[in-house]
């Protein structure tokens, strides 16, 4: 499995849980491993100092509460325990996730799932420019707005070049 060497605790149980979750979501385990690697380096105790996002997929504090936890509780969990919250978070999107980029989008900005490639990513009450300013890494053309297309491409750039075409072209079987 992709990046399995980065799992330093409970490796066998963690990889088994990833396989199980991905079976429930009907997605490739490598997709989930790549997203978790990109978000946290597969460090379930990772905390972003800007906003307090925590864990494998960088749960925001409000998201943790919505899922019945806190970021402090998530940080205290084992990597295997935290995977249950990854599953709980992703499960409602299972029918919308058709590719690696969709999986990543479900974490980064779920409202963009299923939107056209030219759809502009904006948050309620925030101009598109503010969203782009806070996420410059995804503004590939540096024009101050984010589209679904450029964010998807930015996600793909986070996987090794040798895997990009596979991840770009690989879609769910069902």
N, C-alpha and C. Protein backbone atom coordinates (compact mmCIF):
# COMPACT_ATOMS: atom_id res chain seq x y z
N UNK A 1 0.85 -1.17 0.00
CA UNK A 1 0.00 0.00 0.00
C UNK A 1 0.90 1.24 0.00
N UNK A 2 0.48 2.26 -0.69
CA UNK A 2 1.24 3.49 -0.81
C UNK A 2 1.52 4.10 0.58
N UNK A 3 2.75 4.50 0.81
CA UNK A 3 3.19 5.17 2.04
C UNK A 3 3.09 4.31 3.29
N UNK A 4 2.91 3.01 3.17
CA UNK A 4 2.75 2.19 4.37
C UNK A 4 3.98 2.25 5.27
N UNK A 5 5.15 2.52 4.69
CA UNK A 5 6.37 2.61 5.50
C UNK A 5 6.33 3.80 6.46
N UNK A 6 5.46 4.77 6.22
CA UNK A 6 5.35 5.94 7.10
C UNK A 6 4.48 5.65 8.33
N UNK A 7 3.78 4.54 8.32
CA UNK A 7 2.95 4.16 9.47
C UNK A 7 3.88 3.53 10.49
N UNK A 8 4.12 4.25 11.57
CA UNK A 8 5.11 3.79 12.55
C UNK A 8 4.49 3.11 13.77
N UNK A 9 3.18 3.24 13.95
CA UNK A 9 2.50 2.59 15.07
C UNK A 9 1.39 1.70 14.53
N UNK A 10 1.20 0.57 15.11
CA UNK A 10 0.07 -0.32 14.78
C UNK A 10 -0.06 -0.57 13.27
N UNK A 11 1.06 -0.75 12.58
CA UNK A 11 1.04 -0.81 11.12
C UNK A 11 0.04 -1.83 10.57
N UNK A 12 0.10 -3.06 11.01
CA UNK A 12 -0.79 -4.09 10.45
C UNK A 12 -2.26 -3.74 10.68
N UNK A 13 -2.59 -3.33 11.90
CA UNK A 13 -3.98 -2.98 12.23
C UNK A 13 -4.42 -1.74 11.46
N UNK A 14 -3.53 -0.78 11.32
CA UNK A 14 -3.84 0.45 10.59
C UNK A 14 -4.12 0.15 9.12
N UNK A 15 -3.24 -0.59 8.49
CA UNK A 15 -3.42 -0.91 7.07
C UNK A 15 -4.67 -1.76 6.85
N UNK A 16 -4.95 -2.65 7.76
CA UNK A 16 -6.18 -3.45 7.67
C UNK A 16 -7.41 -2.55 7.78
N UNK A 17 -7.37 -1.59 8.70
CA UNK A 17 -8.49 -0.66 8.86
C UNK A 17 -8.65 0.22 7.63
N UNK A 18 -7.55 0.66 7.03
CA UNK A 18 -7.62 1.44 5.79
C UNK A 18 -8.30 0.62 4.70
N UNK A 19 -7.89 -0.63 4.55
CA UNK A 19 -8.51 -1.52 3.54
C UNK A 19 -10.01 -1.65 3.80
N UNK A 20 -10.40 -1.83 5.04
CA UNK A 20 -11.80 -1.99 5.41
C UNK A 20 -12.61 -0.73 5.08
N UNK A 21 -12.08 0.42 5.48
CA UNK A 21 -12.76 1.69 5.21
C UNK A 21 -12.91 1.91 3.72
N UNK A 22 -11.84 1.66 2.98
CA UNK A 22 -11.87 1.89 1.54
C UNK A 22 -12.84 0.93 0.86
N UNK A 23 -12.98 -0.27 1.40
CA UNK A 23 -13.99 -1.20 0.89
C UNK A 23 -15.40 -0.64 1.11
N UNK A 24 -15.65 -0.06 2.27
CA UNK A 24 -16.95 0.54 2.55
C UNK A 24 -17.24 1.74 1.67
N UNK A 25 -16.18 2.49 1.34
CA UNK A 25 -16.34 3.69 0.51
C UNK A 25 -16.22 3.39 -0.98
N UNK A 26 -15.80 2.16 -1.30
CA UNK A 26 -15.54 1.74 -2.67
C UNK A 26 -14.51 2.63 -3.35
N UNK A 27 -13.41 2.86 -2.63
CA UNK A 27 -12.30 3.66 -3.18
C UNK A 27 -11.00 2.87 -3.04
N UNK A 28 -10.00 3.33 -3.74
CA UNK A 28 -8.68 2.70 -3.69
C UNK A 28 -7.97 3.07 -2.38
N UNK A 29 -7.41 2.10 -1.68
CA UNK A 29 -6.66 2.41 -0.46
C UNK A 29 -5.51 3.39 -0.70
N UNK A 30 -4.88 3.31 -1.85
CA UNK A 30 -3.79 4.25 -2.14
C UNK A 30 -4.28 5.69 -2.16
N UNK A 31 -5.53 5.91 -2.58
CA UNK A 31 -6.08 7.27 -2.57
C UNK A 31 -6.12 7.81 -1.14
N UNK A 32 -6.67 7.01 -0.23
CA UNK A 32 -6.80 7.46 1.15
C UNK A 32 -5.42 7.64 1.78
N UNK A 33 -4.51 6.73 1.51
CA UNK A 33 -3.16 6.87 2.05
C UNK A 33 -2.49 8.13 1.51
N UNK A 34 -2.68 8.43 0.24
CA UNK A 34 -2.07 9.64 -0.35
C UNK A 34 -2.66 10.90 0.27
N UNK A 35 -3.97 10.92 0.48
CA UNK A 35 -4.60 12.09 1.10
C UNK A 35 -4.09 12.27 2.52
N UNK A 36 -4.06 11.20 3.28
CA UNK A 36 -3.59 11.31 4.67
C UNK A 36 -2.12 11.70 4.71
N UNK A 37 -1.33 11.19 3.79
CA UNK A 37 0.08 11.59 3.75
C UNK A 37 0.22 13.07 3.44
N UNK A 38 -0.58 13.55 2.50
CA UNK A 38 -0.52 14.96 2.12
C UNK A 38 -0.99 15.87 3.25
N UNK A 39 -2.02 15.45 3.95
CA UNK A 39 -2.59 16.28 5.01
C UNK A 39 -1.76 16.26 6.29
N UNK A 40 -1.26 15.09 6.67
CA UNK A 40 -0.62 14.97 7.99
C UNK A 40 0.69 14.20 7.99
N UNK A 41 1.14 13.75 6.83
CA UNK A 41 2.32 12.89 6.82
C UNK A 41 2.04 11.56 7.49
N UNK A 42 0.75 11.19 7.55
CA UNK A 42 0.26 9.99 8.24
C UNK A 42 0.55 10.03 9.74
N UNK A 43 0.67 11.24 10.26
CA UNK A 43 0.86 11.45 11.69
C UNK A 43 -0.50 11.80 12.30
N UNK A 44 -1.08 10.88 13.02
CA UNK A 44 -2.41 11.08 13.60
C UNK A 44 -2.41 12.13 14.71
N UNK A 45 -1.26 12.55 15.15
CA UNK A 45 -1.17 13.58 16.18
C UNK A 45 -0.80 14.96 15.61
N UNK A 46 -0.73 15.06 14.29
CA UNK A 46 -0.37 16.33 13.65
C UNK A 46 -1.43 17.39 13.94
N UNK A 47 -0.97 18.59 14.26
CA UNK A 47 -1.86 19.73 14.53
C UNK A 47 -1.37 20.91 13.71
N UNK A 48 -2.28 21.52 12.98
CA UNK A 48 -1.95 22.72 12.21
C UNK A 48 -2.08 23.92 13.15
N UNK A 49 -1.01 24.70 13.33
CA UNK A 49 -1.09 25.84 14.25
C UNK A 49 -2.05 26.92 13.78
N UNK A 50 -2.40 26.94 12.51
CA UNK A 50 -3.35 27.91 11.96
C UNK A 50 -4.74 27.28 11.90
N UNK A 51 -5.49 27.41 12.95
CA UNK A 51 -6.85 26.90 12.96
C UNK A 51 -7.07 25.64 13.77
N UNK A 52 -5.99 24.97 14.16
CA UNK A 52 -6.12 23.82 15.04
C UNK A 52 -6.55 22.52 14.38
N UNK A 53 -6.51 22.46 13.04
CA UNK A 53 -6.85 21.20 12.37
C UNK A 53 -5.92 20.11 12.90
N UNK A 54 -6.49 18.93 13.14
CA UNK A 54 -5.78 17.87 13.85
C UNK A 54 -5.97 16.52 13.17
N UNK A 55 -4.94 15.72 13.20
CA UNK A 55 -5.07 14.32 12.84
C UNK A 55 -4.78 13.97 11.39
N UNK A 56 -5.14 12.75 11.07
CA UNK A 56 -4.81 12.15 9.78
C UNK A 56 -5.31 12.95 8.59
N UNK A 57 -6.54 13.46 8.67
CA UNK A 57 -7.07 14.26 7.56
C UNK A 57 -7.26 15.71 7.97
N UNK A 58 -6.64 16.09 9.07
CA UNK A 58 -6.69 17.46 9.57
C UNK A 58 -8.13 17.92 9.82
N UNK A 59 -8.75 17.26 10.77
CA UNK A 59 -10.11 17.61 11.19
C UNK A 59 -10.10 19.01 11.80
N UNK A 60 -10.98 19.87 11.33
CA UNK A 60 -11.15 21.18 11.93
C UNK A 60 -11.90 20.99 13.26
N UNK A 61 -11.73 21.89 14.22
CA UNK A 61 -12.42 21.73 15.50
C UNK A 61 -13.93 21.55 15.36
N UNK A 62 -14.58 22.33 14.52
CA UNK A 62 -16.04 22.20 14.36
C UNK A 62 -16.41 20.86 13.74
N UNK A 63 -15.58 20.36 12.84
CA UNK A 63 -15.84 19.05 12.22
C UNK A 63 -15.72 17.95 13.27
N UNK A 64 -14.70 18.05 14.10
CA UNK A 64 -14.53 17.05 15.17
C UNK A 64 -15.76 17.01 16.06
N UNK A 65 -16.26 18.17 16.43
CA UNK A 65 -17.46 18.24 17.28
C UNK A 65 -18.65 17.64 16.56
N UNK A 66 -18.81 17.95 15.29
CA UNK A 66 -19.91 17.39 14.49
C UNK A 66 -19.85 15.86 14.49
N UNK A 67 -18.64 15.32 14.49
CA UNK A 67 -18.46 13.87 14.47
C UNK A 67 -18.52 13.24 15.86
N UNK A 68 -18.74 14.06 16.89
CA UNK A 68 -18.87 13.53 18.25
C UNK A 68 -17.56 13.43 19.00
N UNK A 69 -16.59 14.26 18.63
CA UNK A 69 -15.29 14.24 19.30
C UNK A 69 -14.80 15.68 19.45
N UNK A 70 -13.59 15.81 19.87
CA UNK A 70 -12.90 17.11 19.88
C UNK A 70 -11.55 16.86 19.23
N UNK A 71 -10.88 17.94 18.85
CA UNK A 71 -9.54 17.75 18.29
C UNK A 71 -8.59 17.20 19.35
N UNK A 72 -8.78 17.59 20.59
CA UNK A 72 -7.94 17.05 21.67
C UNK A 72 -8.16 15.54 21.81
N UNK A 73 -9.41 15.12 21.74
CA UNK A 73 -9.71 13.68 21.83
C UNK A 73 -9.13 12.94 20.63
N UNK A 74 -9.26 13.52 19.45
CA UNK A 74 -8.70 12.88 18.25
C UNK A 74 -7.19 12.74 18.37
N UNK A 75 -6.53 13.77 18.84
CA UNK A 75 -5.07 13.75 18.99
C UNK A 75 -4.64 12.66 19.98
N UNK A 76 -5.46 12.42 20.99
CA UNK A 76 -5.12 11.42 22.02
C UNK A 76 -5.38 9.99 21.56
N UNK A 77 -6.12 9.81 20.48
CA UNK A 77 -6.45 8.47 19.99
C UNK A 77 -5.25 7.83 19.29
N UNK A 78 -5.30 6.50 19.21
CA UNK A 78 -4.32 5.80 18.38
C UNK A 78 -4.65 6.08 16.92
N UNK A 79 -3.73 5.78 16.05
CA UNK A 79 -3.99 5.98 14.62
C UNK A 79 -5.15 5.11 14.14
N UNK A 80 -5.28 3.92 14.68
CA UNK A 80 -6.36 3.02 14.28
C UNK A 80 -7.71 3.56 14.79
N UNK A 81 -7.75 4.02 16.02
CA UNK A 81 -8.99 4.60 16.55
C UNK A 81 -9.41 5.82 15.73
N UNK A 82 -8.45 6.66 15.37
CA UNK A 82 -8.78 7.86 14.62
C UNK A 82 -9.33 7.54 13.23
N UNK A 83 -8.92 6.42 12.66
CA UNK A 83 -9.44 6.03 11.35
C UNK A 83 -10.96 5.87 11.36
N UNK A 84 -11.54 5.52 12.49
CA UNK A 84 -13.00 5.42 12.56
C UNK A 84 -13.63 6.79 12.31
N UNK A 85 -13.00 7.84 12.75
CA UNK A 85 -13.51 9.19 12.51
C UNK A 85 -13.28 9.62 11.06
N UNK A 86 -12.21 9.14 10.47
CA UNK A 86 -12.00 9.36 9.03
C UNK A 86 -13.15 8.72 8.27
N UNK A 87 -13.48 7.48 8.64
CA UNK A 87 -14.60 6.78 7.98
C UNK A 87 -15.91 7.53 8.19
N UNK A 88 -16.17 7.92 9.44
CA UNK A 88 -17.42 8.64 9.74
C UNK A 88 -17.53 9.92 8.94
N UNK A 89 -16.41 10.61 8.78
CA UNK A 89 -16.41 11.85 8.01
C UNK A 89 -16.69 11.58 6.52
N UNK A 90 -16.01 10.60 5.95
CA UNK A 90 -16.09 10.35 4.51
C UNK A 90 -17.35 9.60 4.08
N UNK A 91 -17.93 8.81 4.95
CA UNK A 91 -19.03 7.94 4.57
C UNK A 91 -20.20 8.67 3.88
N UNK A 92 -20.62 9.82 4.34
CA UNK A 92 -21.73 10.50 3.65
C UNK A 92 -21.40 10.91 2.21
N UNK A 93 -20.12 11.00 1.88
CA UNK A 93 -19.72 11.41 0.53
C UNK A 93 -19.44 10.22 -0.39
N UNK A 94 -19.65 9.00 0.09
CA UNK A 94 -19.21 7.81 -0.64
C UNK A 94 -19.74 7.73 -2.07
N UNK A 95 -20.93 8.23 -2.33
CA UNK A 95 -21.47 8.14 -3.68
C UNK A 95 -20.97 9.27 -4.58
N UNK A 96 -20.43 10.30 -4.00
CA UNK A 96 -19.91 11.43 -4.78
C UNK A 96 -18.42 11.29 -5.08
N UNK A 97 -17.74 10.45 -4.32
CA UNK A 97 -16.30 10.26 -4.53
C UNK A 97 -16.10 9.27 -5.67
N UNK A 98 -15.61 9.79 -6.79
CA UNK A 98 -15.39 8.97 -7.98
C UNK A 98 -13.92 8.82 -8.34
N UNK A 99 -13.06 9.63 -7.69
CA UNK A 99 -11.64 9.65 -8.04
C UNK A 99 -10.84 10.13 -6.83
N UNK A 100 -9.51 10.06 -6.98
CA UNK A 100 -8.63 10.58 -5.94
C UNK A 100 -8.92 12.06 -5.68
N UNK A 101 -9.07 12.82 -6.75
CA UNK A 101 -9.33 14.26 -6.58
C UNK A 101 -10.65 14.50 -5.86
N UNK A 102 -11.66 13.68 -6.13
CA UNK A 102 -12.93 13.80 -5.41
C UNK A 102 -12.75 13.50 -3.93
N UNK A 103 -11.96 12.47 -3.63
CA UNK A 103 -11.71 12.14 -2.22
C UNK A 103 -11.06 13.33 -1.53
N UNK A 104 -10.06 13.90 -2.16
CA UNK A 104 -9.39 15.05 -1.56
C UNK A 104 -10.35 16.23 -1.43
N UNK A 105 -11.17 16.45 -2.46
CA UNK A 105 -12.12 17.56 -2.43
C UNK A 105 -13.13 17.38 -1.30
N UNK A 106 -13.50 16.13 -1.01
CA UNK A 106 -14.46 15.89 0.07
C UNK A 106 -13.91 16.35 1.42
N UNK A 107 -12.61 16.41 1.53
CA UNK A 107 -11.97 16.86 2.76
C UNK A 107 -11.71 18.36 2.70
N UNK A 108 -11.20 18.83 1.59
CA UNK A 108 -10.84 20.24 1.46
C UNK A 108 -12.05 21.15 1.35
N UNK A 109 -13.00 20.80 0.48
CA UNK A 109 -14.15 21.67 0.22
C UNK A 109 -15.29 20.84 -0.35
N UNK A 110 -16.02 20.10 0.50
CA UNK A 110 -17.03 19.16 0.02
C UNK A 110 -18.11 19.77 -0.86
N UNK A 111 -18.41 21.05 -0.69
CA UNK A 111 -19.44 21.68 -1.52
C UNK A 111 -19.05 21.67 -3.00
N UNK A 112 -17.78 21.49 -3.31
CA UNK A 112 -17.32 21.48 -4.70
C UNK A 112 -17.47 20.12 -5.38
N UNK A 113 -17.79 19.08 -4.61
CA UNK A 113 -17.97 17.75 -5.20
C UNK A 113 -19.10 17.79 -6.22
N UNK A 114 -18.82 17.29 -7.41
CA UNK A 114 -19.84 17.22 -8.46
C UNK A 114 -20.01 18.52 -9.24
N UNK A 115 -19.28 19.55 -8.88
CA UNK A 115 -19.38 20.82 -9.60
C UNK A 115 -18.54 20.77 -10.88
N UNK A 116 -18.81 21.68 -11.80
CA UNK A 116 -18.06 21.75 -13.05
C UNK A 116 -16.62 22.17 -12.75
N UNK A 117 -15.75 21.89 -13.68
CA UNK A 117 -14.33 22.23 -13.51
C UNK A 117 -14.11 23.73 -13.34
N UNK A 118 -15.00 24.55 -13.91
CA UNK A 118 -14.82 26.01 -13.83
C UNK A 118 -15.50 26.63 -12.61
N UNK A 119 -16.16 25.82 -11.79
CA UNK A 119 -16.86 26.33 -10.61
C UNK A 119 -15.85 27.00 -9.68
N UNK A 120 -16.19 28.18 -9.21
CA UNK A 120 -15.30 28.94 -8.33
C UNK A 120 -15.57 28.57 -6.88
N UNK A 121 -14.50 28.23 -6.17
CA UNK A 121 -14.59 27.82 -4.78
C UNK A 121 -14.68 29.07 -3.91
N UNK A 122 -15.78 29.15 -3.19
CA UNK A 122 -16.00 30.28 -2.27
C UNK A 122 -16.77 29.77 -1.07
N UNK A 123 -16.59 30.44 0.02
CA UNK A 123 -17.29 30.06 1.25
C UNK A 123 -18.37 31.08 1.54
N UNK A 124 -19.40 30.65 2.20
CA UNK A 124 -20.49 31.53 2.58
C UNK A 124 -19.95 32.71 3.38
N UNK A 125 -20.26 33.90 2.92
CA UNK A 125 -19.83 35.09 3.63
C UNK A 125 -18.40 35.53 3.35
N UNK A 126 -17.69 34.75 2.55
CA UNK A 126 -16.31 35.11 2.20
C UNK A 126 -16.19 35.24 0.69
N UNK A 127 -15.58 36.30 0.21
CA UNK A 127 -15.37 36.40 -1.23
C UNK A 127 -14.38 35.32 -1.70
N UNK A 128 -14.50 34.95 -2.95
CA UNK A 128 -13.63 33.92 -3.52
C UNK A 128 -12.15 34.27 -3.34
N UNK A 129 -11.84 35.55 -3.37
CA UNK A 129 -10.45 35.98 -3.22
C UNK A 129 -9.89 35.67 -1.84
N UNK A 130 -10.74 35.72 -0.82
CA UNK A 130 -10.29 35.40 0.55
C UNK A 130 -9.97 33.89 0.65
N UNK A 131 -10.83 33.08 0.03
CA UNK A 131 -10.60 31.63 0.04
C UNK A 131 -9.28 31.33 -0.67
N UNK A 132 -9.07 31.96 -1.82
CA UNK A 132 -7.83 31.75 -2.57
C UNK A 132 -6.61 32.24 -1.79
N UNK A 133 -6.74 33.37 -1.14
CA UNK A 133 -5.64 33.93 -0.36
C UNK A 133 -5.22 32.99 0.77
N UNK A 134 -6.20 32.33 1.38
CA UNK A 134 -5.91 31.41 2.48
C UNK A 134 -5.38 30.06 1.97
N UNK A 135 -5.50 29.83 0.66
CA UNK A 135 -5.10 28.54 0.08
C UNK A 135 -4.27 28.76 -1.18
N UNK A 136 -3.26 29.60 -1.07
CA UNK A 136 -2.44 29.98 -2.23
C UNK A 136 -1.82 28.78 -2.94
N UNK A 137 -1.54 27.73 -2.21
CA UNK A 137 -0.92 26.54 -2.80
C UNK A 137 -1.78 25.95 -3.93
N UNK A 138 -3.09 26.20 -3.87
CA UNK A 138 -3.99 25.67 -4.89
C UNK A 138 -4.27 26.66 -6.03
N UNK A 139 -3.88 27.89 -5.86
CA UNK A 139 -4.13 28.91 -6.89
C UNK A 139 -3.01 28.83 -7.93
N UNK A 140 -3.10 27.83 -8.80
CA UNK A 140 -2.02 27.52 -9.72
C UNK A 140 -1.74 28.63 -10.73
N UNK A 141 -2.77 29.37 -11.11
CA UNK A 141 -2.55 30.44 -12.08
C UNK A 141 -2.38 31.81 -11.40
N UNK A 142 -2.34 31.82 -10.08
CA UNK A 142 -2.11 33.04 -9.28
C UNK A 142 -3.04 34.19 -9.64
N UNK A 143 -4.29 33.88 -9.94
CA UNK A 143 -5.24 34.94 -10.31
C UNK A 143 -6.15 35.36 -9.16
N UNK A 144 -5.93 34.79 -7.98
CA UNK A 144 -6.71 35.20 -6.82
C UNK A 144 -8.05 34.52 -6.66
N UNK A 145 -8.35 33.52 -7.48
CA UNK A 145 -9.55 32.71 -7.29
C UNK A 145 -9.19 31.24 -7.53
N UNK A 146 -9.95 30.37 -6.91
CA UNK A 146 -9.73 28.94 -7.07
C UNK A 146 -10.89 28.33 -7.83
N UNK A 147 -10.57 27.52 -8.82
CA UNK A 147 -11.61 26.75 -9.52
C UNK A 147 -11.44 25.28 -9.16
N UNK A 148 -12.49 24.53 -9.35
CA UNK A 148 -12.42 23.10 -9.09
C UNK A 148 -11.27 22.49 -9.89
N UNK A 149 -11.11 22.88 -11.13
CA UNK A 149 -10.08 22.32 -11.99
C UNK A 149 -8.68 22.53 -11.42
N UNK A 150 -8.36 23.75 -11.00
CA UNK A 150 -7.01 23.97 -10.53
C UNK A 150 -6.77 23.34 -9.15
N UNK A 151 -7.79 23.26 -8.33
CA UNK A 151 -7.63 22.60 -7.04
C UNK A 151 -7.41 21.11 -7.25
N UNK A 152 -8.17 20.50 -8.15
CA UNK A 152 -7.97 19.08 -8.46
C UNK A 152 -6.54 18.83 -8.95
N UNK A 153 -6.07 19.70 -9.84
CA UNK A 153 -4.71 19.55 -10.35
C UNK A 153 -3.69 19.73 -9.23
N UNK A 154 -3.92 20.66 -8.35
CA UNK A 154 -3.01 20.85 -7.21
C UNK A 154 -2.97 19.61 -6.33
N UNK A 155 -4.13 18.96 -6.14
CA UNK A 155 -4.15 17.72 -5.36
C UNK A 155 -3.27 16.67 -6.02
N UNK A 156 -3.40 16.56 -7.34
CA UNK A 156 -2.61 15.56 -8.07
C UNK A 156 -1.12 15.84 -7.98
N UNK A 157 -0.75 17.08 -7.91
CA UNK A 157 0.67 17.45 -7.80
C UNK A 157 1.25 17.05 -6.46
N UNK A 158 0.40 16.70 -5.51
CA UNK A 158 0.87 16.30 -4.18
C UNK A 158 1.25 14.82 -4.12
N UNK A 159 0.96 14.07 -5.16
CA UNK A 159 1.37 12.67 -5.20
C UNK A 159 2.64 12.58 -6.06
N UNK A 160 3.44 11.56 -5.85
CA UNK A 160 4.65 11.43 -6.67
C UNK A 160 4.32 11.46 -8.16
N UNK A 161 5.19 12.08 -8.91
CA UNK A 161 4.97 12.22 -10.36
C UNK A 161 4.69 10.88 -11.03
N UNK A 162 5.36 9.83 -10.55
CA UNK A 162 5.17 8.49 -11.14
C UNK A 162 3.74 7.98 -10.96
N UNK A 163 2.98 8.54 -10.03
CA UNK A 163 1.61 8.09 -9.77
C UNK A 163 0.54 9.02 -10.33
N UNK A 164 0.92 10.20 -10.78
CA UNK A 164 -0.08 11.19 -11.17
C UNK A 164 -1.03 10.72 -12.25
N UNK A 165 -0.51 10.15 -13.31
CA UNK A 165 -1.41 9.72 -14.38
C UNK A 165 -2.33 8.62 -13.91
N UNK A 166 -1.81 7.69 -13.11
CA UNK A 166 -2.67 6.64 -12.56
C UNK A 166 -3.79 7.24 -11.72
N UNK A 167 -3.44 8.17 -10.83
CA UNK A 167 -4.44 8.79 -9.97
C UNK A 167 -5.38 9.69 -10.78
N UNK A 168 -4.87 10.31 -11.82
CA UNK A 168 -5.69 11.20 -12.65
C UNK A 168 -6.74 10.38 -13.42
N UNK A 169 -6.36 9.20 -13.88
CA UNK A 169 -7.23 8.41 -14.74
C UNK A 169 -8.01 7.32 -14.03
N UNK A 170 -7.65 6.99 -12.82
CA UNK A 170 -8.29 5.92 -12.07
C UNK A 170 -9.59 6.42 -11.46
N UNK A 171 -10.67 5.71 -11.69
CA UNK A 171 -11.96 6.06 -11.12
C UNK A 171 -12.56 4.83 -10.43
N UNK A 172 -13.59 5.08 -9.64
CA UNK A 172 -14.25 3.99 -8.93
C UNK A 172 -14.78 2.96 -9.92
N UNK A 173 -14.81 1.73 -9.48
CA UNK A 173 -15.26 0.63 -10.33
C UNK A 173 -16.77 0.66 -10.54
N UNK A 174 -17.52 1.11 -9.54
CA UNK A 174 -18.98 1.07 -9.62
C UNK A 174 -19.54 2.35 -10.19
